[in-house]
Structure formats: structure tokens, C-alpha cells
Amino acid sequence: MSLDKSLSLVSATKPTFVDRKLSRRSRMTTRIQTQIEILEKVKTGEAISREQRRLPKWWWMENGTYFVSIFYTRKPIELAKGKWAIHCKNIDAIIEALKTVSKAVGDGEFDTAMEGMAVKVRQNFKKSA
């Protein structure tokens, strides 16, 4: 075969095992990064892309202060007992809060919460099937 001479062939195969925790962490950090990108554009007055406009915003303003919730499976994550949002003074504080949360997600601090929410979603599919 001519491939043997022109390419460097090896006996490696693609792994089939996917670590669900790492997959969830990656997805969550990507979503957080998207929220940060949207906030950066809002802060500078830049136009938000069509795809970003369709995404739900995790932050809101109430009585002159900002709040941000962290969502997984379209539901907010309980950050502490009875605490569902982070209080922020301005958009820069929201960005910093999201960066802190992203680091915590990468460190595995949200693994238990995300696993519990994923189990509930899977149970809902079993009920309807």
C-alpha cells in the first residue's frame, strides 16, 4: 500500500469513554464564557450577534443593582442554601463574578449540583417515554 510510505501510520484508536463530569464542566464553562462575551458587548455598546440575542441572559437589573444566576439545564443552580443569585454593583462586577464561577466550575465545585440536575432531566425523559 502506498500510504505506508507517504504517511506516518500508527495503531492508535479514538477513545470511546467520555467522562461526564469533564463534559459537563466544559459545557458550563463555555456557556459562562458566552455570557461574559455578551456582557462585554453590552458594556461597550457593541451590537450583539444574532445567535447571542437568542440566548437567555443570566443577569438582570432590579432597583438599580444587578443580579446574576448560574443556569444549568435551563434552571438556576442553588449556590448556597436558599441562595440562587449573586448580587453585583455593575456590569464589571457581573463579569468578575462569572469568571470566579467559571474557575469554581473548572475546579469541580459544581459537579454535584450539575449531576443532580442532569439526573432529574433524564428522569423526565423516562416518564414521557
Protein backbone atom coordinates (compact mmCIF):
# COMPACT_ATOMS: atom_id res chain seq x y z
CA MET A 1 0.00 0.00 0.00
CA SER A 2 1.35 3.45 -0.88
CA LEU A 3 0.02 5.01 2.38
CA ASP A 4 2.73 3.25 4.36
CA LYS A 5 5.40 5.23 2.58
CA SER A 6 3.73 8.65 2.37
CA LEU A 7 2.10 8.89 5.85
CA SER A 8 3.19 8.12 9.38
CA LEU A 9 0.73 5.37 10.36
CA VAL A 10 0.20 4.28 13.99
CA SER A 11 -2.02 1.74 15.76
CA ALA A 12 -3.92 4.31 17.89
CA THR A 13 -7.73 4.41 18.10
CA LYS A 14 -10.07 7.13 19.31
CA PRO A 15 -11.15 6.59 22.94
CA THR A 16 -14.85 5.77 23.31
CA PHE A 17 -15.14 6.59 27.02
CA VAL A 18 -16.34 10.11 27.78
CA ASP A 19 -16.03 11.43 31.32
CA ARG A 20 -19.42 13.02 32.04
CA LYS A 21 -18.05 15.31 34.73
CA LEU A 22 -15.46 16.77 32.40
CA SER A 23 -18.05 17.09 29.64
CA ARG A 24 -20.43 18.98 31.95
CA ARG A 25 -17.64 21.24 33.19
CA SER A 26 -16.60 22.04 29.64
CA ARG A 27 -20.17 22.83 28.56
CA MET A 28 -20.75 25.02 31.61
CA THR A 29 -17.52 27.00 31.21
CA THR A 30 -18.39 27.54 27.53
CA ARG A 31 -21.81 28.90 28.48
CA ILE A 32 -20.29 31.16 31.12
CA GLN A 33 -17.78 32.44 28.59
CA THR A 34 -20.63 33.22 26.18
CA GLN A 35 -22.38 35.23 28.91
CA ILE A 36 -19.14 37.15 29.52
CA GLU A 37 -18.80 37.88 25.80
CA ILE A 38 -22.36 39.22 25.69
CA LEU A 39 -21.71 41.39 28.75
CA GLU A 40 -18.52 42.79 27.20
CA LYS A 41 -20.52 43.81 24.13
CA VAL A 42 -23.30 45.33 26.26
CA LYS A 43 -20.68 47.26 28.24
CA THR A 44 -19.07 48.76 25.15
CA GLY A 45 -22.36 49.30 23.31
CA GLU A 46 -21.35 46.90 20.56
CA ALA A 47 -24.04 45.01 18.62
CA ILE A 48 -24.82 41.53 19.90
CA SER A 49 -24.76 38.79 17.26
CA ARG A 50 -27.97 37.08 16.17
CA GLU A 51 -27.02 33.82 17.94
CA GLN A 52 -26.25 35.69 21.17
CA ARG A 53 -29.56 37.57 21.07
CA ARG A 54 -31.40 34.26 21.13
CA LEU A 55 -29.63 33.12 24.31
CA PRO A 56 -31.26 33.79 27.68
CA LYS A 57 -29.36 36.33 29.73
CA TRP A 58 -28.32 35.15 33.18
CA TRP A 59 -28.33 38.64 34.66
CA TRP A 60 -30.97 41.26 35.40
CA MET A 61 -31.27 44.67 37.00
CA GLU A 62 -33.60 45.35 39.91
CA ASN A 63 -33.82 48.60 41.90
CA GLY A 64 -30.54 49.89 40.47
CA THR A 65 -28.47 46.80 41.27
CA TYR A 66 -27.57 43.79 39.18
CA PHE A 67 -28.11 40.12 39.93
CA VAL A 68 -26.78 37.07 38.12
CA SER A 69 -27.87 33.45 38.40
CA ILE A 70 -25.98 30.44 37.10
CA PHE A 71 -28.12 28.18 34.94
CA TYR A 72 -27.77 24.52 34.07
CA THR A 73 -30.46 22.63 32.14
CA ARG A 74 -32.32 25.95 31.88
CA LYS A 75 -32.79 26.06 35.64
CA PRO A 76 -30.86 28.14 38.18
CA ILE A 77 -28.32 26.37 40.37
CA GLU A 78 -28.66 26.83 44.12
CA LEU A 79 -25.33 28.46 45.00
CA ALA A 80 -25.80 28.11 48.77
CA LYS A 81 -28.72 27.05 50.95
CA GLY A 82 -31.62 29.21 49.71
CA LYS A 83 -29.30 31.44 47.59
CA TRP A 84 -29.94 31.41 43.85
CA ALA A 85 -28.25 34.61 42.63
CA ILE A 86 -25.14 36.76 43.04
CA HIS A 87 -25.56 40.46 43.88
CA CYS A 88 -23.37 42.74 41.74
CA LYS A 89 -22.88 46.52 41.69
CA ASN A 90 -22.35 46.90 37.93
CA ILE A 91 -21.60 45.03 34.71
CA ASP A 92 -17.89 44.77 35.54
CA ALA A 93 -18.79 43.06 38.81
CA ILE A 94 -21.00 40.59 36.92
CA ILE A 95 -18.10 39.74 34.62
CA GLU A 96 -15.79 39.19 37.61
CA ALA A 97 -18.43 37.05 39.34
CA LEU A 98 -18.83 34.92 36.22
CA LYS A 99 -15.06 34.47 35.95
CA THR A 100 -14.96 33.35 39.60
CA VAL A 101 -17.81 30.90 38.97
CA SER A 102 -16.07 29.60 35.84
CA LYS A 103 -12.95 28.85 37.89
CA ALA A 104 -15.09 27.08 40.51
CA VAL A 105 -16.75 25.00 37.78
CA GLY A 106 -13.32 24.04 36.44
CA ASP A 107 -12.25 23.04 39.96
CA GLY A 108 -15.28 20.74 40.26
CA GLU A 109 -17.25 22.68 42.87
CA PHE A 110 -20.45 22.45 40.80
CA ASP A 111 -20.16 18.75 39.88
CA THR A 112 -22.68 17.58 42.49
CA ALA A 113 -25.27 20.22 41.58
CA MET A 114 -24.92 19.59 37.85
CA GLU A 115 -25.11 15.81 38.34
CA GLY A 116 -28.31 16.16 40.39
CA MET A 117 -29.91 18.37 37.76
CA ALA A 118 -28.84 16.02 34.94
CA VAL A 119 -30.41 13.06 36.78
CA LYS A 120 -33.70 14.96 37.07
CA VAL A 121 -33.68 15.75 33.35
CA ARG A 122 -33.01 12.09 32.48
CA GLN A 123 -35.89 11.04 34.76
CA ASN A 124 -38.24 13.38 32.92
CA PHE A 125 -37.37 11.65 29.64
CA LYS A 126 -38.10 8.25 31.16
CA LYS A 127 -41.54 9.39 32.33
CA SER A 128 -42.61 10.56 28.89
CA ALA A 129 -41.24 7.53 27.04
